[in-house]
Each structure stands twice: as C-alpha cells, then as structure tokens.
Amino acid sequence: MPSGADTLRLFFALQPEAGQAAALVGRVAPWVARLEAQPQPAENVHATLCFIGAVVPADLEKLQCVAAAQHAPATALCFDTLEYWEKPRVLCATPGERAIPSSLRELAEALGQGAQAAGLHPDIKPFRPHLTLARKIPAARAEQCEWPQSLAPPLLMRCKHFVLMASRRGESGSIYSVVDSWPLDADDTDSSSANIQ
C-alpha cells in the first residue's frame, strides 16, 4: 500500500451546499462549546461514501474512471439527529431512524468494488451517512449529556452530485479539498418537506 509524501489521501463523498454547511456548524456551536470539542470547519463537512486511502498520483485517473462509470439517481438525505460516537470521540449529524436511500448504499458499494477492481485498497464498510461536526470530545463532557439528541429543524441534503476529496494535514487539523466531481442522474428528490432546511 503506498505511503509517504508523494501520495494523495482520497475518499468519495457527498457534500451539503456551502450555505447549509455553514448554517449547520453555526447551529451546533453551543453543543461544541458545551462539549469542549474541536469544531469542524464548514468547508470540511461531508458524508463519506467510500474511503480510498493513500493513492499515488498516477492512480488518480483510475479512480476518476471508476467514478465516471457510476449511474445513480439524485436523491436526498435528511439529517435529523445529533449523535456522540464514543470511539472516534466525534459529534455527528445522522439520519437517525430515517431510511437511507438504497441508491446511495449501492453507489458506495459500487465505488468500493470499482476501486478494488482497479487495484486499489479502499476501506469497504456499509454506508453509514454522517456529517462530522466536532472532534476530540473529552469523554467526561460527553457523559454529561443524553444521546442521541434531536436536530430540529433537520437538514435536508440534496444529493445531486458526488465528489472525490483529498485530505491533508494542516496546522489545526485535516484540510479537505475537492479533486473532482460527478453528477447524479435526473433529480428525483422530494421537495415536499417545507420545514427542512
């Protein structure tokens, strides 16, 4: 498996609109302060579809070909719950008990299988959509709160495209940037949820 300064750390993801991400980060700021956690910058907020890991630049084209071969419908994810995940010590927005579109599960699986077939080594796990909003939460602070918490109003993330993102280390944590983007097929998202923003 490649490693070192000449590699890219890559993953496929879904992203909320920039305004949505900024609004969500602002809304959970009181929780982040209460938990004495490290906030996630709005530009870093994403839902991972498939983590690829370290890739040499020469293999980037392989991933782009895998992504370009996908055909999944546009859909939506409704994040209505705040959860504390103990092992990674993070605060996440999740869909809670809401159904996760099967098309997104299938897309995540297909990206992982395609990356494997291209000779790469993705971290293949069942798709569990979440938006990480804070990190490095002291366990003692988290234990003082009841989990999960309701996120009201929920955030409706319209999934009209997916992206390949790169992660690199910055002075205050990871910095994520979009490497490439692919549209999802014709929009069939439900626009009937008037109170979801």
N, C-alpha and C. Protein backbone atom coordinates (compact mmCIF):
# COMPACT_ATOMS: atom_id res chain seq x y z
N MET A 1 0.84 -1.19 0.00
CA MET A 1 0.00 0.00 0.00
C MET A 1 0.88 1.24 0.00
N PRO A 2 0.63 2.20 -0.86
CA PRO A 2 1.52 3.36 -0.95
C PRO A 2 1.47 4.24 0.29
N SER A 3 2.58 4.88 0.59
CA SER A 3 2.62 5.81 1.72
C SER A 3 3.70 6.83 1.43
N GLY A 4 3.65 7.93 2.22
CA GLY A 4 4.69 8.92 2.07
C GLY A 4 4.21 10.21 1.47
N ALA A 5 5.14 11.13 1.28
CA ALA A 5 4.81 12.49 0.86
C ALA A 5 4.28 12.55 -0.56
N ASP A 6 4.57 11.53 -1.37
CA ASP A 6 4.16 11.58 -2.78
C ASP A 6 2.77 10.98 -3.02
N THR A 7 2.02 10.68 -1.95
CA THR A 7 0.71 10.08 -2.11
C THR A 7 -0.40 11.08 -1.81
N LEU A 8 -1.59 10.76 -2.32
CA LEU A 8 -2.79 11.52 -2.03
C LEU A 8 -3.68 10.66 -1.12
N ARG A 9 -4.30 11.27 -0.11
CA ARG A 9 -5.23 10.55 0.77
C ARG A 9 -6.63 10.91 0.29
N LEU A 10 -7.33 9.95 -0.31
CA LEU A 10 -8.54 10.25 -1.05
C LEU A 10 -9.77 9.50 -0.52
N PHE A 11 -10.93 10.10 -0.77
CA PHE A 11 -12.19 9.44 -0.45
C PHE A 11 -13.31 10.05 -1.30
N PHE A 12 -14.33 9.24 -1.56
CA PHE A 12 -15.53 9.71 -2.25
C PHE A 12 -16.53 10.19 -1.20
N ALA A 13 -17.27 11.25 -1.52
CA ALA A 13 -18.16 11.83 -0.52
C ALA A 13 -19.33 12.56 -1.16
N LEU A 14 -20.32 12.85 -0.34
CA LEU A 14 -21.41 13.75 -0.65
C LEU A 14 -21.22 15.01 0.18
N GLN A 15 -21.59 16.17 -0.36
CA GLN A 15 -21.42 17.43 0.36
C GLN A 15 -22.73 18.21 0.42
N PRO A 16 -23.02 18.82 1.58
CA PRO A 16 -24.12 19.78 1.61
C PRO A 16 -23.71 21.04 0.87
N GLU A 17 -24.67 21.86 0.51
CA GLU A 17 -24.34 23.16 -0.08
C GLU A 17 -23.56 23.97 0.95
N ALA A 18 -22.71 24.88 0.46
CA ALA A 18 -21.84 25.65 1.37
C ALA A 18 -22.65 26.41 2.42
N GLY A 19 -23.77 27.00 2.01
CA GLY A 19 -24.60 27.74 2.96
C GLY A 19 -25.22 26.83 4.00
N GLN A 20 -25.62 25.63 3.59
CA GLN A 20 -26.18 24.67 4.53
C GLN A 20 -25.14 24.25 5.56
N ALA A 21 -23.94 23.97 5.08
CA ALA A 21 -22.87 23.53 5.99
C ALA A 21 -22.55 24.63 7.00
N ALA A 22 -22.44 25.87 6.54
CA ALA A 22 -22.13 26.97 7.44
C ALA A 22 -23.24 27.17 8.47
N ALA A 23 -24.50 27.07 8.02
CA ALA A 23 -25.62 27.23 8.94
C ALA A 23 -25.64 26.11 9.98
N LEU A 24 -25.35 24.89 9.55
CA LEU A 24 -25.35 23.76 10.48
C LEU A 24 -24.24 23.91 11.52
N VAL A 25 -23.06 24.29 11.07
CA VAL A 25 -21.93 24.49 12.00
C VAL A 25 -22.29 25.58 13.02
N GLY A 26 -22.95 26.64 12.56
CA GLY A 26 -23.37 27.69 13.48
C GLY A 26 -24.39 27.21 14.49
N ARG A 27 -25.33 26.38 14.03
CA ARG A 27 -26.39 25.88 14.92
C ARG A 27 -25.85 24.98 16.01
N VAL A 28 -24.82 24.19 15.70
CA VAL A 28 -24.30 23.26 16.72
C VAL A 28 -23.17 23.87 17.54
N ALA A 29 -22.82 25.13 17.26
CA ALA A 29 -21.73 25.77 18.01
C ALA A 29 -21.94 25.70 19.53
N PRO A 30 -23.17 25.91 20.05
CA PRO A 30 -23.35 25.78 21.51
C PRO A 30 -23.04 24.37 22.03
N TRP A 31 -23.37 23.35 21.23
CA TRP A 31 -23.03 21.99 21.62
C TRP A 31 -21.51 21.78 21.63
N VAL A 32 -20.85 22.31 20.61
CA VAL A 32 -19.40 22.16 20.52
C VAL A 32 -18.73 22.83 21.72
N ALA A 33 -19.23 24.01 22.10
CA ALA A 33 -18.67 24.71 23.27
C ALA A 33 -18.94 23.92 24.54
N ARG A 34 -20.17 23.40 24.67
CA ARG A 34 -20.52 22.63 25.87
C ARG A 34 -19.64 21.39 26.01
N LEU A 35 -19.31 20.78 24.87
CA LEU A 35 -18.51 19.55 24.89
C LEU A 35 -17.01 19.82 24.93
N GLU A 36 -16.63 21.10 24.85
CA GLU A 36 -15.20 21.48 24.83
C GLU A 36 -14.48 20.74 23.71
N ALA A 37 -15.12 20.72 22.54
CA ALA A 37 -14.63 19.95 21.39
C ALA A 37 -13.94 20.85 20.38
N GLN A 38 -13.30 20.21 19.42
CA GLN A 38 -12.68 20.93 18.30
C GLN A 38 -13.70 21.00 17.17
N PRO A 39 -14.17 22.22 16.80
CA PRO A 39 -15.20 22.31 15.76
C PRO A 39 -14.67 21.92 14.39
N GLN A 40 -15.56 21.40 13.59
CA GLN A 40 -15.22 21.06 12.20
C GLN A 40 -15.50 22.30 11.34
N PRO A 41 -14.55 22.77 10.54
CA PRO A 41 -14.82 23.89 9.64
C PRO A 41 -15.94 23.54 8.66
N ALA A 42 -16.77 24.51 8.33
CA ALA A 42 -17.90 24.25 7.44
C ALA A 42 -17.46 23.66 6.11
N GLU A 43 -16.31 24.11 5.60
CA GLU A 43 -15.85 23.61 4.30
C GLU A 43 -15.42 22.15 4.35
N ASN A 44 -15.24 21.60 5.55
CA ASN A 44 -14.85 20.20 5.70
C ASN A 44 -16.05 19.26 5.86
N VAL A 45 -17.25 19.79 6.04
CA VAL A 45 -18.41 18.95 6.32
C VAL A 45 -18.78 18.12 5.08
N HIS A 46 -18.89 16.81 5.27
CA HIS A 46 -19.20 15.90 4.17
C HIS A 46 -19.70 14.58 4.73
N ALA A 47 -20.31 13.79 3.87
CA ALA A 47 -20.71 12.42 4.21
C ALA A 47 -19.90 11.47 3.34
N THR A 48 -19.02 10.70 3.95
CA THR A 48 -18.15 9.80 3.19
C THR A 48 -18.95 8.66 2.56
N LEU A 49 -18.74 8.46 1.28
CA LEU A 49 -19.31 7.31 0.57
C LEU A 49 -18.37 6.11 0.64
N CYS A 50 -17.09 6.36 0.36
CA CYS A 50 -16.10 5.28 0.36
C CYS A 50 -14.72 5.89 0.58
N PHE A 51 -14.03 5.41 1.61
CA PHE A 51 -12.68 5.90 1.90
C PHE A 51 -11.68 5.05 1.11
N ILE A 52 -10.86 5.72 0.32
CA ILE A 52 -9.89 5.01 -0.53
C ILE A 52 -8.55 4.87 0.17
N GLY A 53 -8.07 5.94 0.80
CA GLY A 53 -6.78 5.91 1.47
C GLY A 53 -5.67 6.48 0.61
N ALA A 54 -4.46 6.06 0.89
CA ALA A 54 -3.28 6.60 0.20
C ALA A 54 -3.21 6.09 -1.23
N VAL A 55 -3.08 7.01 -2.17
CA VAL A 55 -3.03 6.69 -3.60
C VAL A 55 -1.90 7.50 -4.24
N VAL A 56 -1.11 6.86 -5.09
CA VAL A 56 -0.08 7.61 -5.81
C VAL A 56 -0.76 8.42 -6.91
N PRO A 57 -0.24 9.60 -7.23
CA PRO A 57 -0.89 10.45 -8.25
C PRO A 57 -1.17 9.73 -9.56
N ALA A 58 -0.33 8.79 -9.94
CA ALA A 58 -0.53 8.07 -11.20
C ALA A 58 -1.81 7.24 -11.20
N ASP A 59 -2.33 6.91 -10.00
CA ASP A 59 -3.55 6.10 -9.91
C ASP A 59 -4.81 6.95 -9.83
N LEU A 60 -4.67 8.25 -9.81
CA LEU A 60 -5.84 9.13 -9.72
C LEU A 60 -6.80 8.89 -10.88
N GLU A 61 -6.25 8.72 -12.07
CA GLU A 61 -7.10 8.51 -13.25
C GLU A 61 -7.95 7.25 -13.12
N LYS A 62 -7.42 6.23 -12.45
CA LYS A 62 -8.20 5.00 -12.24
C LYS A 62 -9.46 5.30 -11.44
N LEU A 63 -9.32 6.10 -10.39
CA LEU A 63 -10.47 6.45 -9.56
C LEU A 63 -11.47 7.32 -10.33
N GLN A 64 -10.95 8.21 -11.14
CA GLN A 64 -11.84 9.05 -11.95
C GLN A 64 -12.64 8.21 -12.93
N CYS A 65 -12.02 7.18 -13.48
CA CYS A 65 -12.74 6.28 -14.40
C CYS A 65 -13.80 5.47 -13.65
N VAL A 66 -13.48 5.01 -12.45
CA VAL A 66 -14.45 4.29 -11.62
C VAL A 66 -15.66 5.18 -11.35
N ALA A 67 -15.40 6.43 -10.97
CA ALA A 67 -16.49 7.35 -10.65
C ALA A 67 -17.34 7.67 -11.87
N ALA A 68 -16.69 7.88 -13.00
CA ALA A 68 -17.41 8.26 -14.22
C ALA A 68 -18.32 7.13 -14.71
N ALA A 69 -18.03 5.90 -14.31
CA ALA A 69 -18.82 4.76 -14.76
C ALA A 69 -20.10 4.58 -13.94
N GLN A 70 -20.28 5.35 -12.86
CA GLN A 70 -21.42 5.17 -11.98
C GLN A 70 -22.67 5.87 -12.53
N HIS A 71 -23.81 5.24 -12.31
CA HIS A 71 -25.10 5.84 -12.68
C HIS A 71 -26.06 5.63 -11.52
N ALA A 72 -26.24 6.67 -10.72
CA ALA A 72 -27.14 6.61 -9.56
C ALA A 72 -28.06 7.82 -9.62
N PRO A 73 -29.30 7.67 -9.15
CA PRO A 73 -30.23 8.81 -9.20
C PRO A 73 -29.91 9.86 -8.14
N ALA A 74 -30.21 11.10 -8.46
CA ALA A 74 -30.16 12.14 -7.44
C ALA A 74 -31.20 11.82 -6.38
N THR A 75 -30.89 12.13 -5.14
CA THR A 75 -31.81 11.82 -4.05
C THR A 75 -31.57 12.82 -2.93
N ALA A 76 -31.97 12.49 -1.71
CA ALA A 76 -31.76 13.40 -0.59
C ALA A 76 -31.53 12.60 0.68
N LEU A 77 -30.79 13.18 1.60
CA LEU A 77 -30.59 12.62 2.93
C LEU A 77 -31.09 13.64 3.94
N CYS A 78 -31.87 13.18 4.90
CA CYS A 78 -32.39 14.08 5.93
C CYS A 78 -31.68 13.81 7.25
N PHE A 79 -30.87 14.76 7.69
CA PHE A 79 -30.12 14.63 8.94
C PHE A 79 -30.93 15.27 10.06
N ASP A 80 -31.48 14.44 10.96
CA ASP A 80 -32.37 14.95 12.00
C ASP A 80 -31.94 14.59 13.41
N THR A 81 -30.72 14.05 13.54
CA THR A 81 -30.25 13.55 14.84
C THR A 81 -28.80 13.94 15.08
N LEU A 82 -28.48 14.29 16.32
CA LEU A 82 -27.09 14.50 16.73
C LEU A 82 -26.66 13.32 17.58
N GLU A 83 -25.53 12.73 17.24
CA GLU A 83 -25.02 11.57 17.97
C GLU A 83 -23.58 11.83 18.41
N TYR A 84 -23.23 11.26 19.55
CA TYR A 84 -21.84 11.23 20.00
C TYR A 84 -21.32 9.82 19.75
N TRP A 85 -20.24 9.73 18.97
CA TRP A 85 -19.63 8.43 18.71
C TRP A 85 -18.39 8.31 19.60
N GLU A 86 -18.48 7.34 20.50
CA GLU A 86 -17.50 7.24 21.59
C GLU A 86 -16.09 6.94 21.12
N LYS A 87 -15.93 5.94 20.25
CA LYS A 87 -14.56 5.53 19.88
C LYS A 87 -13.78 6.62 19.16
N PRO A 88 -14.37 7.25 18.11
CA PRO A 88 -13.61 8.34 17.46
C PRO A 88 -13.75 9.68 18.18
N ARG A 89 -14.64 9.74 19.22
CA ARG A 89 -14.84 10.96 20.02
C ARG A 89 -15.30 12.13 19.15
N VAL A 90 -16.37 11.88 18.37
CA VAL A 90 -16.87 12.91 17.46
C VAL A 90 -18.36 13.16 17.69
N LEU A 91 -18.80 14.37 17.31
CA LEU A 91 -20.21 14.74 17.28
C LEU A 91 -20.64 14.70 15.82
N CYS A 92 -21.73 13.97 15.53
CA CYS A 92 -22.17 13.80 14.15
C CYS A 92 -23.65 14.12 14.01
N ALA A 93 -24.01 14.63 12.85
CA ALA A 93 -25.41 14.68 12.43
C ALA A 93 -25.67 13.43 11.60
N THR A 94 -26.76 12.73 11.88
CA THR A 94 -27.09 11.49 11.17
C THR A 94 -28.56 11.50 10.77
N PRO A 95 -28.97 10.58 9.89
CA PRO A 95 -30.38 10.47 9.56
C PRO A 95 -31.21 9.80 10.66
N GLY A 96 -30.58 9.42 11.76
CA GLY A 96 -31.31 8.77 12.85
C GLY A 96 -31.99 7.51 12.37
N GLU A 97 -33.29 7.41 12.64
CA GLU A 97 -34.04 6.21 12.25
C GLU A 97 -34.61 6.32 10.84
N ARG A 98 -34.36 7.42 10.16
CA ARG A 98 -34.90 7.58 8.81
C ARG A 98 -34.25 6.59 7.84
N ALA A 99 -35.02 6.21 6.85
CA ALA A 99 -34.50 5.29 5.84
C ALA A 99 -33.41 5.95 5.02
N ILE A 100 -32.37 5.22 4.73
CA ILE A 100 -31.28 5.70 3.87
C ILE A 100 -31.56 5.19 2.46
N PRO A 101 -31.56 6.07 1.46
CA PRO A 101 -31.87 5.62 0.09
C PRO A 101 -30.97 4.47 -0.35
N SER A 102 -31.60 3.42 -0.88
CA SER A 102 -30.83 2.26 -1.32
C SER A 102 -29.86 2.63 -2.43
N SER A 103 -30.22 3.65 -3.22
CA SER A 103 -29.33 4.05 -4.32
C SER A 103 -27.99 4.55 -3.81
N LEU A 104 -27.97 5.19 -2.64
CA LEU A 104 -26.71 5.67 -2.08
C LEU A 104 -25.89 4.52 -1.51
N ARG A 105 -26.57 3.56 -0.90
CA ARG A 105 -25.86 2.36 -0.42
C ARG A 105 -25.19 1.66 -1.61
N GLU A 106 -25.94 1.54 -2.69
CA GLU A 106 -25.42 0.86 -3.88
C GLU A 106 -24.27 1.64 -4.51
N LEU A 107 -24.37 2.97 -4.51
CA LEU A 107 -23.29 3.79 -5.05
C LEU A 107 -22.02 3.62 -4.23
N ALA A 108 -22.15 3.66 -2.91
CA ALA A 108 -20.98 3.49 -2.04
C ALA A 108 -20.32 2.13 -2.27
N GLU A 109 -21.16 1.09 -2.40
CA GLU A 109 -20.64 -0.26 -2.62
C GLU A 109 -19.96 -0.36 -3.98
N ALA A 110 -20.57 0.24 -5.00
CA ALA A 110 -20.00 0.16 -6.35
C ALA A 110 -18.67 0.90 -6.44
N LEU A 111 -18.56 2.03 -5.74
CA LEU A 111 -17.29 2.77 -5.75
C LEU A 111 -16.18 1.95 -5.10
N GLY A 112 -16.50 1.29 -4.00
CA GLY A 112 -15.51 0.45 -3.33
C GLY A 112 -15.09 -0.73 -4.19
N GLN A 113 -16.07 -1.39 -4.80
CA GLN A 113 -15.76 -2.54 -5.65
C GLN A 113 -14.97 -2.10 -6.88
N GLY A 114 -15.33 -0.94 -7.44
CA GLY A 114 -14.60 -0.45 -8.60
C GLY A 114 -13.17 -0.10 -8.28
N ALA A 115 -12.96 0.50 -7.10
CA ALA A 115 -11.60 0.82 -6.68
C ALA A 115 -10.77 -0.45 -6.46
N GLN A 116 -11.40 -1.46 -5.88
CA GLN A 116 -10.70 -2.74 -5.69
C GLN A 116 -10.33 -3.36 -7.04
N ALA A 117 -11.27 -3.35 -7.96
CA ALA A 117 -11.01 -3.93 -9.28
C ALA A 117 -9.91 -3.18 -10.02
N ALA A 118 -9.71 -1.89 -9.66
CA ALA A 118 -8.66 -1.09 -10.29
C ALA A 118 -7.31 -1.29 -9.60
N GLY A 119 -7.27 -2.19 -8.62
CA GLY A 119 -6.01 -2.49 -7.95
C GLY A 119 -5.72 -1.63 -6.74
N LEU A 120 -6.72 -0.88 -6.26
CA LEU A 120 -6.52 -0.04 -5.08
C LEU A 120 -7.05 -0.75 -3.84
N HIS A 121 -6.92 -0.12 -2.68
CA HIS A 121 -7.24 -0.79 -1.42
C HIS A 121 -8.20 0.05 -0.58
N PRO A 122 -9.45 0.19 -1.05
CA PRO A 122 -10.41 1.00 -0.28
C PRO A 122 -10.79 0.35 1.04
N ASP A 123 -11.23 1.17 1.98
CA ASP A 123 -11.74 0.69 3.26
C ASP A 123 -13.24 0.47 3.08
N ILE A 124 -13.62 -0.74 2.75
CA ILE A 124 -15.01 -1.02 2.41
C ILE A 124 -15.81 -1.31 3.68
N LYS A 125 -16.81 -0.46 3.92
CA LYS A 125 -17.70 -0.61 5.07
C LYS A 125 -19.12 -0.31 4.59
N PRO A 126 -20.14 -0.81 5.31
CA PRO A 126 -21.51 -0.42 4.97
C PRO A 126 -21.67 1.10 5.05
N PHE A 127 -22.40 1.67 4.12
CA PHE A 127 -22.62 3.11 4.09
C PHE A 127 -23.42 3.54 5.32
N ARG A 128 -22.83 4.40 6.12
CA ARG A 128 -23.48 4.93 7.32
C ARG A 128 -23.37 6.45 7.27
N PRO A 129 -24.30 7.13 6.61
CA PRO A 129 -24.13 8.56 6.38
C PRO A 129 -24.08 9.37 7.67
N HIS A 130 -23.11 10.24 7.75
CA HIS A 130 -22.98 11.13 8.90
C HIS A 130 -22.16 12.34 8.49
N LEU A 131 -22.44 13.45 9.14
CA LEU A 131 -21.68 14.68 8.96
C LEU A 131 -20.95 14.95 10.26
N THR A 132 -19.64 14.82 10.27
CA THR A 132 -18.86 15.08 11.49
C THR A 132 -18.80 16.59 11.72
N LEU A 133 -19.21 17.00 12.93
CA LEU A 133 -19.32 18.42 13.25
C LEU A 133 -18.33 18.87 14.32
N ALA A 134 -17.77 17.93 15.07
CA ALA A 134 -16.77 18.26 16.10
C ALA A 134 -15.95 17.03 16.41
N ARG A 135 -14.71 17.26 16.80
CA ARG A 135 -13.78 16.17 17.10
C ARG A 135 -13.16 16.38 18.48
N LYS A 136 -12.42 15.36 18.90
CA LYS A 136 -11.63 15.42 20.15
C LYS A 136 -12.50 15.81 21.35
N ILE A 137 -13.63 15.14 21.48
CA ILE A 137 -14.55 15.43 22.58
C ILE A 137 -14.09 14.68 23.83
N PRO A 138 -13.84 15.38 24.93
CA PRO A 138 -13.48 14.68 26.17
C PRO A 138 -14.63 13.77 26.61
N ALA A 139 -14.31 12.53 26.93
CA ALA A 139 -15.35 11.57 27.31
C ALA A 139 -16.17 12.06 28.49
N ALA A 140 -15.51 12.72 29.43
CA ALA A 140 -16.23 13.19 30.62
C ALA A 140 -17.30 14.22 30.26
N ARG A 141 -17.03 15.04 29.26
CA ARG A 141 -18.02 16.03 28.83
C ARG A 141 -19.19 15.34 28.12
N ALA A 142 -18.88 14.38 27.26
CA ALA A 142 -19.93 13.67 26.53
C ALA A 142 -20.84 12.90 27.48
N GLU A 143 -20.27 12.35 28.56
CA GLU A 143 -21.06 11.56 29.50
C GLU A 143 -22.06 12.40 30.28
N GLN A 144 -21.89 13.71 30.26
CA GLN A 144 -22.81 14.59 30.98
C GLN A 144 -24.08 14.89 30.15
N CYS A 145 -24.12 14.40 28.92
CA CYS A 145 -25.25 14.66 28.01
C CYS A 145 -25.97 13.36 27.68
N GLU A 146 -27.25 13.47 27.34
CA GLU A 146 -28.01 12.32 26.86
C GLU A 146 -27.90 12.25 25.34
N TRP A 147 -27.70 11.05 24.83
CA TRP A 147 -27.57 10.84 23.38
C TRP A 147 -28.52 9.74 22.95
N PRO A 148 -29.06 9.84 21.73
CA PRO A 148 -28.90 10.93 20.75
C PRO A 148 -29.76 12.14 21.10
N GLN A 149 -29.49 13.25 20.40
CA GLN A 149 -30.27 14.47 20.53
C GLN A 149 -30.98 14.75 19.20
N SER A 150 -32.11 15.41 19.28
CA SER A 150 -32.82 15.78 18.06
C SER A 150 -32.18 17.00 17.41
N LEU A 151 -32.06 16.98 16.10
CA LEU A 151 -31.58 18.14 15.34
C LEU A 151 -32.81 18.75 14.67
N ALA A 152 -33.28 19.85 15.24
CA ALA A 152 -34.50 20.47 14.73
C ALA A 152 -34.28 21.96 14.47
N PRO A 153 -34.66 22.43 13.27
CA PRO A 153 -35.18 21.64 12.16
C PRO A 153 -34.08 20.78 11.55
N PRO A 154 -34.46 19.66 10.94
CA PRO A 154 -33.44 18.82 10.31
C PRO A 154 -32.84 19.48 9.07
N LEU A 155 -31.74 18.91 8.62
CA LEU A 155 -31.09 19.41 7.41
C LEU A 155 -31.35 18.42 6.28
N LEU A 156 -31.95 18.92 5.21
CA LEU A 156 -32.19 18.09 4.03
C LEU A 156 -31.06 18.34 3.04
N MET A 157 -30.21 17.35 2.87
CA MET A 157 -29.08 17.47 1.95
C MET A 157 -29.46 16.84 0.62
N ARG A 158 -29.60 17.67 -0.40
CA ARG A 158 -29.95 17.17 -1.72
C ARG A 158 -28.68 16.66 -2.41
N CYS A 159 -28.71 15.41 -2.76
CA CYS A 159 -27.52 14.75 -3.33
C CYS A 159 -27.65 14.74 -4.85
N LYS A 160 -27.10 15.76 -5.49
CA LYS A 160 -27.18 15.88 -6.95
C LYS A 160 -25.85 15.56 -7.62
N HIS A 161 -24.81 15.40 -6.82
CA HIS A 161 -23.51 15.02 -7.35
C HIS A 161 -22.70 14.38 -6.22
N PHE A 162 -21.64 13.71 -6.57
CA PHE A 162 -20.70 13.22 -5.56
C PHE A 162 -19.30 13.65 -5.96
N VAL A 163 -18.40 13.67 -4.99
CA VAL A 163 -17.07 14.22 -5.24
C VAL A 163 -15.99 13.26 -4.78
N LEU A 164 -14.81 13.46 -5.34
CA LEU A 164 -13.59 12.82 -4.85
C LEU A 164 -12.84 13.89 -4.09
N MET A 165 -12.54 13.63 -2.83
CA MET A 165 -11.88 14.62 -1.98
C MET A 165 -10.51 14.13 -1.55
N ALA A 166 -9.63 15.08 -1.30
CA ALA A 166 -8.29 14.80 -0.78
C ALA A 166 -8.19 15.36 0.62
N SER A 167 -7.49 14.66 1.47
CA SER A 167 -7.28 15.09 2.85
C SER A 167 -5.78 15.31 3.06
N ARG A 168 -5.46 16.46 3.65
CA ARG A 168 -4.06 16.69 4.03
C ARG A 168 -4.02 17.32 5.42
N ARG A 169 -2.91 17.17 6.07
CA ARG A 169 -2.75 17.70 7.42
C ARG A 169 -2.44 19.19 7.39
N GLY A 170 -3.17 19.95 8.19
CA GLY A 170 -2.90 21.36 8.37
C GLY A 170 -2.46 21.61 9.81
N GLU A 171 -2.14 22.84 10.13
CA GLU A 171 -1.67 23.16 11.47
C GLU A 171 -2.72 22.87 12.53
N SER A 172 -4.01 23.06 12.19
CA SER A 172 -5.06 22.87 13.18
C SER A 172 -5.95 21.66 12.87
N GLY A 173 -5.47 20.75 12.04
CA GLY A 173 -6.24 19.55 11.72
C GLY A 173 -6.27 19.28 10.23
N SER A 174 -7.12 18.34 9.84
CA SER A 174 -7.20 17.95 8.44
C SER A 174 -7.85 19.04 7.59
N ILE A 175 -7.37 19.18 6.37
CA ILE A 175 -7.93 20.11 5.40
C ILE A 175 -8.39 19.28 4.21
N TYR A 176 -9.66 19.44 3.83
CA TYR A 176 -10.22 18.67 2.73
C TYR A 176 -10.41 19.56 1.51
N SER A 177 -10.17 19.01 0.35
CA SER A 177 -10.37 19.75 -0.89
C SER A 177 -10.96 18.81 -1.94
N VAL A 178 -11.79 19.37 -2.83
CA VAL A 178 -12.42 18.57 -3.89
C VAL A 178 -11.44 18.42 -5.05
N VAL A 179 -11.23 17.18 -5.45
CA VAL A 179 -10.35 16.86 -6.57
C VAL A 179 -11.14 16.79 -7.87
N ASP A 180 -12.35 16.21 -7.80
CA ASP A 180 -13.18 16.06 -8.99
C ASP A 180 -14.62 15.84 -8.54
N SER A 181 -15.56 15.98 -9.47
CA SER A 181 -16.99 15.89 -9.14
C SER A 181 -17.74 15.25 -10.30
N TRP A 182 -18.80 14.48 -9.96
CA TRP A 182 -19.62 13.81 -10.98
C TRP A 182 -21.10 14.00 -10.64
N PRO A 183 -21.93 14.30 -11.63
CA PRO A 183 -23.36 14.49 -11.36
C PRO A 183 -24.05 13.15 -11.12
N LEU A 184 -25.09 13.17 -10.31
CA LEU A 184 -26.01 12.05 -10.21
C LEU A 184 -27.12 12.27 -11.23
N ASP A 185 -27.83 11.21 -11.57
CA ASP A 185 -28.80 11.29 -12.64
C ASP A 185 -29.99 12.18 -12.26
N ALA A 186 -30.91 12.36 -13.20
CA ALA A 186 -32.01 13.33 -13.07
C ALA A 186 -32.59 13.37 -11.67
N ASP A 187 -32.87 14.59 -11.20
CA ASP A 187 -33.29 14.84 -9.82
C ASP A 187 -34.64 14.21 -9.54
N ASP A 188 -34.64 13.28 -8.52
CA ASP A 188 -35.93 12.77 -8.05
C ASP A 188 -36.10 13.04 -6.57
N THR A 189 -35.43 14.10 -6.08
CA THR A 189 -35.52 14.40 -4.66
C THR A 189 -36.90 14.90 -4.30
N ASP A 190 -37.25 14.65 -3.04
CA ASP A 190 -38.57 15.05 -2.53
C ASP A 190 -38.50 16.47 -2.02
N SER A 191 -39.26 17.37 -2.65
CA SER A 191 -39.20 18.78 -2.24
C SER A 191 -40.39 19.15 -1.38
N SER A 192 -41.09 18.15 -0.81
CA SER A 192 -42.31 18.44 -0.07
C SER A 192 -42.07 18.83 1.38
N SER A 193 -40.82 18.70 1.86
CA SER A 193 -40.56 18.95 3.27
C SER A 193 -40.31 20.43 3.49
N ALA A 194 -41.30 21.17 3.70
CA ALA A 194 -41.16 22.63 3.76
C ALA A 194 -40.36 23.10 4.94
N ASN A 195 -40.42 22.40 6.06
CA ASN A 195 -39.69 22.86 7.24
C ASN A 195 -38.25 22.37 7.31
N ILE A 196 -37.79 21.67 6.29
CA ILE A 196 -36.43 21.15 6.34
C ILE A 196 -35.53 22.12 5.58
N GLN A 197 -34.45 22.50 6.23
CA GLN A 197 -33.57 23.49 5.58
C GLN A 197 -32.11 23.14 5.79
